């Protein structure tokens, strides 16, 4: 169980994280500072892009695993995945 007591800035995401047990039920929504409206929009866009990428990658990995099962090589197959999350260069 996660020990964080705050959750993502989206009320919908926060509720979903609680429902899935990713964060404690008593976690509070982290408020956005009022002077960061542009940064908030950018963060939301970046989070949406990452979520779409991850959903696509998950689907494609599922296809690979289905092919290994269909061709009877799953027992001899190692599937490894890594995620590169580059840092912002300023």
C-alpha atoms as a PDB file:
ATOM      1  CA  UNK A   1       0.000   0.000   0.000  1.00  0.00           C
ATOM      2  CA  UNK A   2       1.278   3.460  -0.857  1.00  0.00           C
ATOM      3  CA  UNK A   3       2.231   5.804   1.947  1.00  0.00           C
ATOM      4  CA  UNK A   4       1.574   9.051   0.085  1.00  0.00           C
ATOM      5  CA  UNK A   5      -1.043  11.297   1.646  1.00  0.00           C
ATOM      6  CA  UNK A   6      -1.595  13.429  -1.453  1.00  0.00           C
ATOM      7  CA  UNK A   7      -2.765  12.448  -4.901  1.00  0.00           C
ATOM      8  CA  UNK A   8      -2.609  13.764  -8.433  1.00  0.00           C
ATOM      9  CA  UNK A   9      -4.127  17.158  -9.235  1.00  0.00           C
ATOM     10  CA  UNK A  10      -7.094  15.614 -11.032  1.00  0.00           C
ATOM     11  CA  UNK A  11     -10.137  14.822  -8.841  1.00  0.00           C
ATOM     12  CA  UNK A  12     -11.105  11.992 -11.222  1.00  0.00           C
ATOM     13  CA  UNK A  13      -7.609  10.490 -11.122  1.00  0.00           C
ATOM     14  CA  UNK A  14      -7.428  10.851  -7.344  1.00  0.00           C
ATOM     15  CA  UNK A  15     -10.740   9.010  -6.917  1.00  0.00           C
ATOM     16  CA  UNK A  16      -9.602   6.268  -9.286  1.00  0.00           C
ATOM     17  CA  UNK A  17      -6.284   5.873  -7.431  1.00  0.00           C
ATOM     18  CA  UNK A  18      -8.197   5.487  -4.160  1.00  0.00           C
ATOM     19  CA  UNK A  19     -10.621   2.980  -5.714  1.00  0.00           C
ATOM     20  CA  UNK A  20      -7.710   0.875  -7.005  1.00  0.00           C
ATOM     21  CA  UNK A  21      -5.896   1.007  -3.679  1.00  0.00           C
ATOM     22  CA  UNK A  22      -2.899   2.808  -5.169  1.00  0.00           C
ATOM     23  CA  UNK A  23      -3.116   5.515  -2.531  1.00  0.00           C
ATOM     24  CA  UNK A  24      -4.685   5.538   0.951  1.00  0.00           C
ATOM     25  CA  UNK A  25      -8.370   6.395   1.257  1.00  0.00           C
ATOM     26  CA  UNK A  26      -7.530   9.435   3.399  1.00  0.00           C
ATOM     27  CA  UNK A  27      -5.216  10.973   0.771  1.00  0.00           C
ATOM     28  CA  UNK A  28      -6.039  14.609  -0.001  1.00  0.00           C
ATOM     29  CA  UNK A  29      -6.037  16.314  -3.379  1.00  0.00           C
ATOM     30  CA  UNK A  30      -2.978  18.542  -3.770  1.00  0.00           C
ATOM     31  CA  UNK A  31      -4.154  22.064  -4.653  1.00  0.00           C
ATOM     32  CA  UNK A  32      -2.625  23.955  -7.569  1.00  0.00           C
ATOM     33  CA  UNK A  33      -1.164  27.375  -6.806  1.00  0.00           C
ATOM     34  CA  UNK A  34      -3.323  30.018  -8.504  1.00  0.00           C
ATOM     35  CA  UNK A  35      -0.393  31.633 -10.293  1.00  0.00           C
ATOM     36  CA  UNK A  36       0.544  28.466 -12.209  1.00  0.00           C
ATOM     37  CA  UNK A  37      -2.348  28.229 -14.659  1.00  0.00           C
ATOM     38  CA  UNK A  38      -0.099  27.767 -17.724  1.00  0.00           C
ATOM     39  CA  UNK A  39       2.056  25.180 -15.966  1.00  0.00           C
ATOM     40  CA  UNK A  40      -1.086  23.313 -14.914  1.00  0.00           C
ATOM     41  CA  UNK A  41      -2.292  23.106 -18.530  1.00  0.00           C
ATOM     42  CA  UNK A  42       1.125  21.889 -19.658  1.00  0.00           C
ATOM     43  CA  UNK A  43       1.316  19.267 -16.901  1.00  0.00           C
ATOM     44  CA  UNK A  44      -2.157  17.970 -17.705  1.00  0.00           C
ATOM     45  CA  UNK A  45      -1.243  17.709 -21.394  1.00  0.00           C
ATOM     46  CA  UNK A  46       2.004  15.891 -20.568  1.00  0.00           C
ATOM     47  CA  UNK A  47       0.179  13.475 -18.263  1.00  0.00           C
ATOM     48  CA  UNK A  48      -2.434  12.778 -20.942  1.00  0.00           C
ATOM     49  CA  UNK A  49       0.253  12.113 -23.569  1.00  0.00           C
ATOM     50  CA  UNK A  50       2.113   9.776 -21.224  1.00  0.00           C
ATOM     51  CA  UNK A  51      -1.098   7.906 -20.356  1.00  0.00           C
ATOM     52  CA  UNK A  52      -1.886   7.452 -24.062  1.00  0.00           C
ATOM     53  CA  UNK A  53       1.656   6.248 -24.768  1.00  0.00           C
ATOM     54  CA  UNK A  54       1.531   3.782 -21.894  1.00  0.00           C
ATOM     55  CA  UNK A  55      -1.866   2.427 -22.981  1.00  0.00           C
ATOM     56  CA  UNK A  56      -0.507   1.951 -26.516  1.00  0.00           C
ATOM     57  CA  UNK A  57       2.650   0.231 -25.231  1.00  0.00           C
ATOM     58  CA  UNK A  58       0.565  -2.050 -22.990  1.00  0.00           C
ATOM     59  CA  UNK A  59      -1.610  -3.039 -25.960  1.00  0.00           C
ATOM     60  CA  UNK A  60       1.416  -3.792 -28.150  1.00  0.00           C
ATOM     61  CA  UNK A  61       3.153  -5.819 -25.421  1.00  0.00           C
ATOM     62  CA  UNK A  62      -0.067  -7.810 -25.109  1.00  0.00           C
ATOM     63  CA  UNK A  63       0.088  -8.537 -28.839  1.00  0.00           C
ATOM     64  CA  UNK A  64       3.687  -9.758 -28.551  1.00  0.00           C
ATOM     65  CA  UNK A  65       2.795 -12.014 -25.631  1.00  0.00           C
ATOM     66  CA  UNK A  66      -0.206 -13.407 -27.538  1.00  0.00           C
ATOM     67  CA  UNK A  67       2.090 -14.251 -30.471  1.00  0.00           C
ATOM     68  CA  UNK A  68       4.530 -16.072 -28.185  1.00  0.00           C
ATOM     69  CA  UNK A  69       1.659 -18.078 -26.749  1.00  0.00           C
ATOM     70  CA  UNK A  70       0.247 -18.893 -30.189  1.00  0.00           C
ATOM     71  CA  UNK A  71       3.621 -20.080 -31.466  1.00  0.00           C
ATOM     72  CA  UNK A  72       4.376 -22.141 -28.318  1.00  0.00           C
ATOM     73  CA  UNK A  73       7.561 -20.243 -27.466  1.00  0.00           C
ATOM     74  CA  UNK A  74       6.267 -18.422 -24.387  1.00  0.00           C
ATOM     75  CA  UNK A  75       8.141 -20.768 -22.033  1.00  0.00           C
ATOM     76  CA  UNK A  76      11.421 -19.830 -23.760  1.00  0.00           C
ATOM     77  CA  UNK A  77      10.671 -16.113 -24.098  1.00  0.00           C
ATOM     78  CA  UNK A  78      11.793 -13.297 -21.859  1.00  0.00           C
ATOM     79  CA  UNK A  79       9.944 -10.049 -22.408  1.00  0.00           C
ATOM     80  CA  UNK A  80      11.663  -7.012 -20.932  1.00  0.00           C
ATOM     81  CA  UNK A  81      10.450  -3.450 -21.032  1.00  0.00           C
ATOM     82  CA  UNK A  82      12.013  -0.223 -19.873  1.00  0.00           C
ATOM     83  CA  UNK A  83      10.802   3.330 -19.748  1.00  0.00           C
ATOM     84  CA  UNK A  84      12.991   6.280 -20.528  1.00  0.00           C
ATOM     85  CA  UNK A  85      11.647   9.453 -19.029  1.00  0.00           C
ATOM     86  CA  UNK A  86      13.993  12.244 -20.129  1.00  0.00           C
ATOM     87  CA  UNK A  87      14.512  15.171 -17.822  1.00  0.00           C
ATOM     88  CA  UNK A  88      13.695  18.680 -18.894  1.00  0.00           C
ATOM     89  CA  UNK A  89      16.722  20.577 -20.112  1.00  0.00           C
ATOM     90  CA  UNK A  90      16.487  24.251 -19.360  1.00  0.00           C
END
